[in-house]
Amino acid sequence: MTEQPNRTRRSFLQGVAVTAAVGELAFASRSGANSALQISREPLGVIRQVKAGLLDVGYADIGPADGQAVILLHGWPYDIHSYVDVAPRLAAAGFRVIVPYLRGYGSTRFLSTETSRNAQQAATGTDIVDLMSALGVDKAVLAGFDWGARTAAVVAALWPERCKALVSVSGYLITNIEFNKQPLPPAAELGWWYQYYFATERGRAGYEKNRREFAKLIWKIASPKWAFDDATFERSAAAFDNPDHVSIVIHNYRWRLGLAPGESRYDESESKLQQAPAIEVPALTIGSDFDGAAADGKTYAAKFTGKHTHKVLAGIGHNVPQEAPEAFAAAVIEASGY
């Protein structure tokens, strides 16, 4: 989840509808992928693998091969199935929709046992640029929530030439470590409990032992009005069986609090990100009930210096694409036209 769980998301996304009907989609194989290995049949189509940068990335790829590329990015503790109802809507509207497992999730694997299991924001952002290059995608609409929103914002900030437009739930989530070291009011600190837990070795052991129970608890806390069933949860929970999952999650949260180092290969990118750079590409931000008082987006509006629209979804929790797929798909379609 985001590092600021008590900030923003209320109101309503109106007026934009997905007009294309969602029917049976043909999941055509993609030319140009390093290894278009078909691993399994999933609701998002065949899960393919491609070597990109430091990773062998598992990803879904649906819709017309020559359509405008859209990359949908998930967060923690979620997976690509947050987009199971969004991706077909976008594919039916003519987009090529790519939904990758982030490092530490699903079938994504590190190519080397020697690579640090690092989840700092510059690393996950670099992963997506590497994936785009491996798939022959020069420019894409990037959309995400939680870790996915942060990762998309990192790409938009550091590689604006690769980002046609940005859709970001919770707005501007680029991490500033020094800011994160500052204490918050007690009520706000309460929302960070899992981060403090993960800062301990007991927390690592607890997450290793109870990752499914932990994830289900977070789902309920972050989306209290979402009545998901066991099958929906288990479909995503399988992604947490990745052998690097616990190490990636623990490093991510410790790094955000300045308790774990990053890697020198990302120092230049991270130095830029620690300056809280403005995002110049066109952007559509979304607030929901999860964000509390910051749902109106006013606290971060100035960070978006290009064309910027903000939407608020009332009655929706943190997993916006799965709780409100029509609204999320509509937001992507709207942003793609900026």
Protein backbone atom coordinates (compact mmCIF):
# COMPACT_ATOMS: atom_id res chain seq x y z
CA MET A 1 0.00 0.00 0.00
CA THR A 2 1.03 3.63 -0.23
CA GLU A 3 3.14 5.28 2.43
CA GLN A 4 0.41 7.81 3.17
CA PRO A 5 -2.67 5.65 3.81
CA ASN A 6 -4.71 8.38 5.48
CA ARG A 7 -4.62 10.83 2.59
CA THR A 8 -7.44 11.30 0.04
CA ARG A 9 -10.20 9.82 -2.12
CA ARG A 10 -13.84 10.90 -2.16
CA SER A 11 -16.37 11.91 -4.80
CA PHE A 12 -17.41 10.68 -8.15
CA LEU A 13 -16.04 9.94 -11.60
CA GLN A 14 -18.79 11.08 -13.96
CA GLY A 15 -19.54 11.51 -17.57
CA VAL A 16 -16.97 9.26 -19.21
CA ALA A 17 -18.18 5.85 -20.34
CA VAL A 18 -16.50 3.03 -22.13
CA THR A 19 -18.53 2.76 -25.31
CA ALA A 20 -16.93 -0.31 -26.79
CA ALA A 21 -18.64 -3.58 -25.99
CA VAL A 22 -16.55 -6.17 -24.22
CA GLY A 23 -16.76 -9.48 -26.00
CA GLU A 24 -14.56 -12.41 -26.71
CA LEU A 25 -10.98 -11.22 -27.23
CA ALA A 26 -8.34 -12.88 -29.33
CA PHE A 27 -5.11 -13.16 -27.42
CA ALA A 28 -2.66 -13.08 -30.32
CA SER A 29 1.00 -13.84 -29.76
CA ARG A 30 3.31 -10.81 -29.95
CA SER A 31 6.21 -10.71 -32.34
CA GLY A 32 9.41 -9.17 -31.05
CA ALA A 33 9.21 -10.54 -27.50
CA ASN A 34 12.44 -12.19 -26.37
CA SER A 35 10.60 -15.34 -25.34
CA ALA A 36 6.87 -15.52 -26.00
CA LEU A 37 6.58 -18.60 -23.81
CA GLN A 38 2.96 -19.46 -23.11
CA ILE A 39 2.82 -20.60 -19.51
CA SER A 40 -0.84 -20.76 -18.58
CA ARG A 41 -4.31 -19.66 -19.59
CA GLU A 42 -5.62 -16.92 -17.31
CA PRO A 43 -8.62 -14.55 -17.32
CA LEU A 44 -6.22 -11.95 -18.72
CA GLY A 45 -5.16 -14.29 -21.49
CA VAL A 46 -1.92 -16.18 -21.86
CA ILE A 47 0.73 -15.14 -19.37
CA ARG A 48 3.89 -14.59 -21.39
CA GLN A 49 7.50 -14.17 -20.32
CA VAL A 50 10.09 -11.77 -21.69
CA LYS A 51 13.65 -11.05 -20.59
CA ALA A 52 13.89 -7.35 -19.77
CA GLY A 53 16.78 -5.77 -17.90
CA LEU A 54 17.39 -7.72 -14.70
CA LEU A 55 14.20 -9.74 -14.94
CA ASP A 56 12.29 -12.41 -16.76
CA VAL A 57 8.94 -10.61 -16.62
CA GLY A 58 5.57 -12.34 -16.60
CA TYR A 59 2.90 -10.26 -18.29
CA ALA A 60 -0.50 -10.32 -19.97
CA ASP A 61 -0.77 -8.70 -23.40
CA ILE A 62 -4.22 -8.32 -24.95
CA GLY A 63 -5.89 -6.21 -27.60
CA PRO A 64 -4.69 -5.23 -31.08
CA ALA A 65 -0.92 -5.37 -31.53
CA ASP A 66 -0.95 -2.00 -33.32
CA GLY A 67 -3.13 -0.25 -30.75
CA GLN A 68 -1.98 2.54 -28.45
CA ALA A 69 -0.01 0.78 -25.70
CA VAL A 70 -1.35 0.99 -22.16
CA ILE A 71 0.64 -0.46 -19.26
CA LEU A 72 -1.35 -1.24 -16.11
CA LEU A 73 0.64 -1.56 -12.88
CA HIS A 74 -0.50 -3.26 -9.69
CA GLY A 75 0.48 -2.65 -6.07
CA TRP A 76 0.91 -4.53 -2.80
CA PRO A 77 -0.64 -6.84 -1.75
CA TYR A 78 -2.31 -7.22 -5.13
CA ASP A 79 -1.36 -8.52 -8.56
CA ILE A 80 -2.25 -8.27 -12.24
CA HIS A 81 -5.79 -9.47 -11.55
CA SER A 82 -6.63 -6.04 -10.18
CA TYR A 83 -7.09 -5.31 -13.89
CA VAL A 84 -9.10 -8.39 -14.84
CA ASP A 85 -12.15 -6.23 -15.64
CA VAL A 86 -10.25 -3.16 -16.85
CA ALA A 87 -7.95 -4.73 -19.42
CA PRO A 88 -10.71 -6.31 -21.59
CA ARG A 89 -12.60 -3.01 -21.67
CA LEU A 90 -9.51 -1.20 -22.92
CA ALA A 91 -8.65 -3.95 -25.41
CA ALA A 92 -12.17 -3.80 -26.81
CA ALA A 93 -11.72 -0.03 -27.20
CA GLY A 94 -8.67 -0.63 -29.40
CA PHE A 95 -5.77 -0.41 -26.96
CA ARG A 96 -2.89 -2.84 -26.66
CA VAL A 97 -2.98 -3.60 -22.93
CA ILE A 98 0.12 -4.87 -21.13
CA VAL A 99 -0.20 -5.95 -17.49
CA PRO A 100 3.10 -7.06 -15.93
CA TYR A 101 3.82 -8.74 -12.64
CA LEU A 102 6.17 -6.44 -10.72
CA ARG A 103 9.44 -7.85 -9.40
CA GLY A 104 8.64 -10.28 -6.59
CA TYR A 105 5.19 -11.21 -7.89
CA GLY A 106 3.72 -14.01 -9.98
CA SER A 107 5.94 -15.48 -12.69
CA THR A 108 8.41 -12.56 -12.77
CA ARG A 109 11.88 -13.77 -11.79
CA PHE A 110 15.35 -12.30 -11.42
CA LEU A 111 17.74 -13.52 -14.09
CA SER A 112 20.61 -13.82 -11.60
CA THR A 113 20.79 -15.09 -8.04
CA GLU A 114 23.41 -12.39 -7.47
CA THR A 115 21.04 -9.47 -8.11
CA SER A 116 19.95 -7.62 -4.99
CA ARG A 117 16.30 -8.19 -4.09
CA ASN A 118 15.75 -4.46 -4.08
CA ALA A 119 12.39 -2.70 -4.44
CA GLN A 120 13.34 0.97 -4.26
CA GLN A 121 11.23 3.17 -6.53
CA ALA A 122 13.98 3.78 -9.10
CA ALA A 123 14.41 0.03 -9.52
CA THR A 124 10.74 -0.67 -10.24
CA GLY A 125 10.57 2.32 -12.57
CA THR A 126 13.62 1.09 -14.48
CA ASP A 127 11.98 -2.33 -14.74
CA ILE A 128 9.05 -0.85 -16.66
CA VAL A 129 11.27 1.08 -19.07
CA ASP A 130 13.26 -2.11 -19.67
CA LEU A 131 10.02 -4.02 -20.28
CA MET A 132 8.85 -1.44 -22.79
CA SER A 133 12.13 -1.68 -24.66
CA ALA A 134 12.00 -5.49 -24.67
CA LEU A 135 8.48 -5.41 -26.11
CA GLY A 136 9.29 -2.73 -28.68
CA VAL A 137 7.00 -0.16 -27.06
CA ASP A 138 8.39 3.35 -27.50
CA LYS A 139 5.65 5.19 -25.63
CA ALA A 140 2.69 4.14 -23.50
CA VAL A 141 -0.09 5.38 -21.30
CA LEU A 142 0.93 4.32 -17.79
CA ALA A 143 -1.74 3.68 -15.17
CA GLY A 144 -1.60 2.28 -11.68
CA PHE A 145 -2.46 2.32 -8.01
CA ASP A 146 -0.36 1.83 -4.88
CA TRP A 147 3.16 0.65 -5.89
CA GLY A 148 1.91 0.79 -9.47
CA ALA A 149 0.98 4.46 -9.23
CA ARG A 150 4.37 5.29 -7.77
CA THR A 151 6.17 3.26 -10.43
CA ALA A 152 4.19 4.92 -13.22
CA ALA A 153 4.94 8.37 -11.75
CA VAL A 154 8.66 7.54 -11.59
CA VAL A 155 8.67 6.69 -15.29
CA ALA A 156 6.69 9.84 -16.10
CA ALA A 157 9.11 11.99 -14.11
CA LEU A 158 12.41 10.45 -15.25
CA TRP A 159 11.53 9.26 -18.77
CA PRO A 160 8.72 11.57 -19.96
CA GLU A 161 9.50 10.66 -23.57
CA ARG A 162 8.27 7.11 -22.81
CA CYS A 163 5.00 8.21 -21.18
CA LYS A 164 2.12 9.46 -23.33
CA ALA A 165 -0.08 10.09 -20.29
CA LEU A 166 -0.33 9.06 -16.65
CA VAL A 167 -3.29 7.77 -14.63
CA SER A 168 -2.43 7.69 -10.94
CA VAL A 169 -4.62 6.63 -8.04
CA SER A 170 -3.68 8.71 -4.97
CA GLY A 171 -1.91 11.22 -7.16
CA TYR A 172 1.75 12.04 -6.57
CA LEU A 173 3.35 9.12 -4.72
CA ILE A 174 7.05 9.56 -5.48
CA THR A 175 8.80 8.76 -2.21
CA ASN A 176 10.90 11.31 -0.35
CA ILE A 177 12.85 9.43 2.31
CA GLU A 178 13.64 12.46 4.47
CA PHE A 179 9.96 13.39 4.54
CA ASN A 180 9.08 9.83 5.51
CA LYS A 181 11.40 10.04 8.51
CA GLN A 182 9.31 12.85 9.98
CA PRO A 183 6.68 11.88 12.58
CA LEU A 184 2.99 12.21 11.81
CA PRO A 185 0.05 12.72 14.18
CA PRO A 186 -0.79 9.52 16.10
CA ALA A 187 -3.93 8.77 14.08
CA ALA A 188 -1.91 8.91 10.86
CA GLU A 189 0.88 6.79 12.32
CA LEU A 190 -1.67 4.09 13.13
CA GLY A 191 -2.27 3.59 9.41
CA TRP A 192 1.42 2.79 8.94
CA TRP A 193 1.43 -0.12 11.40
CA TYR A 194 2.41 -2.73 8.80
CA GLN A 195 5.44 -0.69 7.75
CA TYR A 196 6.74 -0.59 11.30
CA TYR A 197 6.04 -4.31 11.63
CA PHE A 198 8.03 -4.99 8.49
CA ALA A 199 10.93 -2.99 9.91
CA THR A 200 11.53 -5.82 12.39
CA GLU A 201 12.80 -9.35 11.84
CA ARG A 202 9.66 -10.54 13.60
CA GLY A 203 7.70 -8.74 10.88
CA ARG A 204 9.68 -10.45 8.12
CA ALA A 205 9.12 -13.84 9.73
CA GLY A 206 5.45 -13.08 10.28
CA TYR A 207 4.90 -12.07 6.68
CA GLU A 208 6.80 -15.10 5.43
CA LYS A 209 4.60 -17.38 7.52
CA ASN A 210 1.27 -15.62 7.08
CA ARG A 211 1.46 -13.81 3.75
CA ARG A 212 -2.05 -14.86 2.61
CA GLU A 213 -3.70 -13.95 5.93
CA PHE A 214 -1.77 -10.69 5.96
CA ALA A 215 -2.80 -9.78 2.43
CA LYS A 216 -6.46 -10.55 3.07
CA LEU A 217 -6.40 -8.32 6.15
CA ILE A 218 -4.93 -5.44 4.15
CA TRP A 219 -7.54 -5.91 1.43
CA LYS A 220 -10.31 -5.60 4.02
CA ILE A 221 -8.78 -2.58 5.75
CA ALA A 222 -7.99 -0.73 2.53
CA SER A 223 -11.31 -1.49 0.82
CA PRO A 224 -13.92 -1.89 3.58
CA LYS A 225 -16.89 -1.68 1.18
CA TRP A 226 -15.54 -4.19 -1.34
CA ALA A 227 -17.25 -7.57 -0.90
CA PHE A 228 -14.65 -9.75 -2.63
CA ASP A 229 -15.03 -13.52 -2.42
CA ASP A 230 -12.46 -16.18 -1.60
CA ALA A 231 -11.93 -17.14 -5.23
CA THR A 232 -11.12 -13.54 -6.16
CA PHE A 233 -8.61 -13.29 -3.34
CA GLU A 234 -6.97 -16.66 -4.01
CA ARG A 235 -6.51 -15.80 -7.68
CA SER A 236 -4.29 -12.89 -6.66
CA ALA A 237 -2.75 -14.56 -3.61
CA ALA A 238 -1.03 -17.11 -5.84
CA ALA A 239 1.25 -14.28 -6.99
CA PHE A 240 2.66 -14.01 -3.47
CA ASP A 241 4.18 -17.49 -3.74
CA ASN A 242 6.99 -15.96 -5.82
CA PRO A 243 10.28 -16.97 -4.14
CA ASP A 244 11.44 -13.34 -3.94
CA HIS A 245 8.13 -11.87 -2.78
CA VAL A 246 8.88 -11.50 0.91
CA SER A 247 12.34 -10.05 0.32
CA ILE A 248 10.96 -7.53 -2.16
CA VAL A 249 8.11 -6.41 0.10
CA ILE A 250 10.30 -6.09 3.17
CA HIS A 251 12.98 -4.15 1.31
CA ASN A 252 10.41 -1.79 -0.21
CA TYR A 253 9.01 -0.70 3.12
CA ARG A 254 12.32 -0.58 4.94
CA TRP A 255 13.85 1.47 2.14
CA ARG A 256 11.02 4.00 2.29
CA LEU A 257 11.77 4.63 5.95
CA GLY A 258 15.51 4.93 5.36
CA LEU A 259 16.16 1.60 7.08
CA ALA A 260 17.58 -0.29 4.08
CA PRO A 261 20.01 0.89 1.41
CA GLY A 262 19.30 1.15 -2.27
CA GLU A 263 21.72 0.16 -5.03
CA SER A 264 24.39 2.40 -6.49
CA ARG A 265 23.16 1.66 -10.03
CA TYR A 266 20.05 3.73 -9.21
CA ASP A 267 21.79 6.59 -7.38
CA GLU A 268 21.49 9.10 -10.21
CA SER A 269 17.80 8.39 -10.76
CA GLU A 270 17.09 8.36 -7.03
CA SER A 271 18.86 11.68 -6.54
CA LYS A 272 16.44 13.23 -9.03
CA LEU A 273 13.43 11.60 -7.43
CA GLN A 274 14.40 12.81 -3.95
CA GLN A 275 13.96 16.36 -5.29
CA ALA A 276 10.23 15.65 -5.79
CA PRO A 277 10.31 16.48 -9.51
CA ALA A 278 7.23 17.85 -11.21
CA ILE A 279 5.44 15.60 -13.68
CA GLU A 280 5.06 17.37 -17.01
CA VAL A 281 3.25 14.69 -19.02
CA PRO A 282 -0.56 14.84 -19.19
CA ALA A 283 -2.01 13.27 -16.07
CA LEU A 284 -5.33 12.17 -14.62
CA THR A 285 -5.32 11.54 -10.88
CA ILE A 286 -7.96 9.68 -8.91
CA GLY A 287 -8.97 10.05 -5.28
CA SER A 288 -11.10 7.57 -3.31
CA ASP A 289 -12.35 6.99 0.21
CA PHE A 290 -8.98 5.43 1.05
CA ASP A 291 -7.34 8.86 0.83
CA GLY A 292 -9.53 10.53 3.44
CA ALA A 293 -9.14 14.29 3.57
CA ALA A 294 -6.70 14.31 0.63
CA ALA A 295 -9.22 12.80 -1.79
CA ASP A 296 -9.74 16.15 -3.48
CA GLY A 297 -6.17 16.07 -4.79
CA LYS A 298 -5.38 19.63 -3.74
CA THR A 299 -2.29 18.66 -1.73
CA TYR A 300 -0.45 17.41 -4.81
CA ALA A 301 -2.11 19.22 -7.72
CA ALA A 302 0.86 21.58 -8.15
CA LYS A 303 3.18 18.62 -8.85
CA PHE A 304 1.42 18.04 -12.18
CA THR A 305 2.47 20.85 -14.48
CA GLY A 306 1.05 19.51 -17.75
CA LYS A 307 -2.61 19.03 -18.53
CA HIS A 308 -4.09 17.63 -15.33
CA THR A 309 -7.53 16.40 -14.37
CA HIS A 310 -8.57 15.04 -10.99
CA LYS A 311 -11.48 12.67 -10.34
CA VAL A 312 -12.91 11.54 -7.02
CA LEU A 313 -14.67 8.22 -6.46
CA ALA A 314 -17.05 8.04 -3.52
CA GLY A 315 -17.59 4.71 -1.82
CA ILE A 316 -14.48 3.15 -3.40
CA GLY A 317 -11.46 1.92 -1.47
CA HIS A 318 -7.82 1.51 -2.39
CA ASN A 319 -8.03 -1.11 -5.17
CA VAL A 320 -9.75 1.28 -7.56
CA PRO A 321 -9.35 -0.74 -10.79
CA GLN A 322 -10.94 -3.84 -9.28
CA GLU A 323 -13.60 -2.02 -7.27
CA ALA A 324 -14.54 0.45 -10.02
CA PRO A 325 -13.28 -1.04 -13.31
CA GLU A 326 -15.57 0.98 -15.58
CA ALA A 327 -14.47 4.24 -14.01
CA PHE A 328 -10.80 3.27 -14.14
CA ALA A 329 -11.01 2.20 -17.79
CA ALA A 330 -12.82 5.44 -18.59
CA ALA A 331 -10.05 7.40 -16.90
CA VAL A 332 -7.40 5.67 -19.03
CA ILE A 333 -9.38 6.36 -22.20
CA GLU A 334 -9.80 10.01 -21.23
CA ALA A 335 -6.12 10.47 -20.39
CA SER A 336 -5.03 8.81 -23.63
CA GLY A 337 -6.72 11.65 -25.50
CA TYR A 338 -4.88 14.47 -23.68
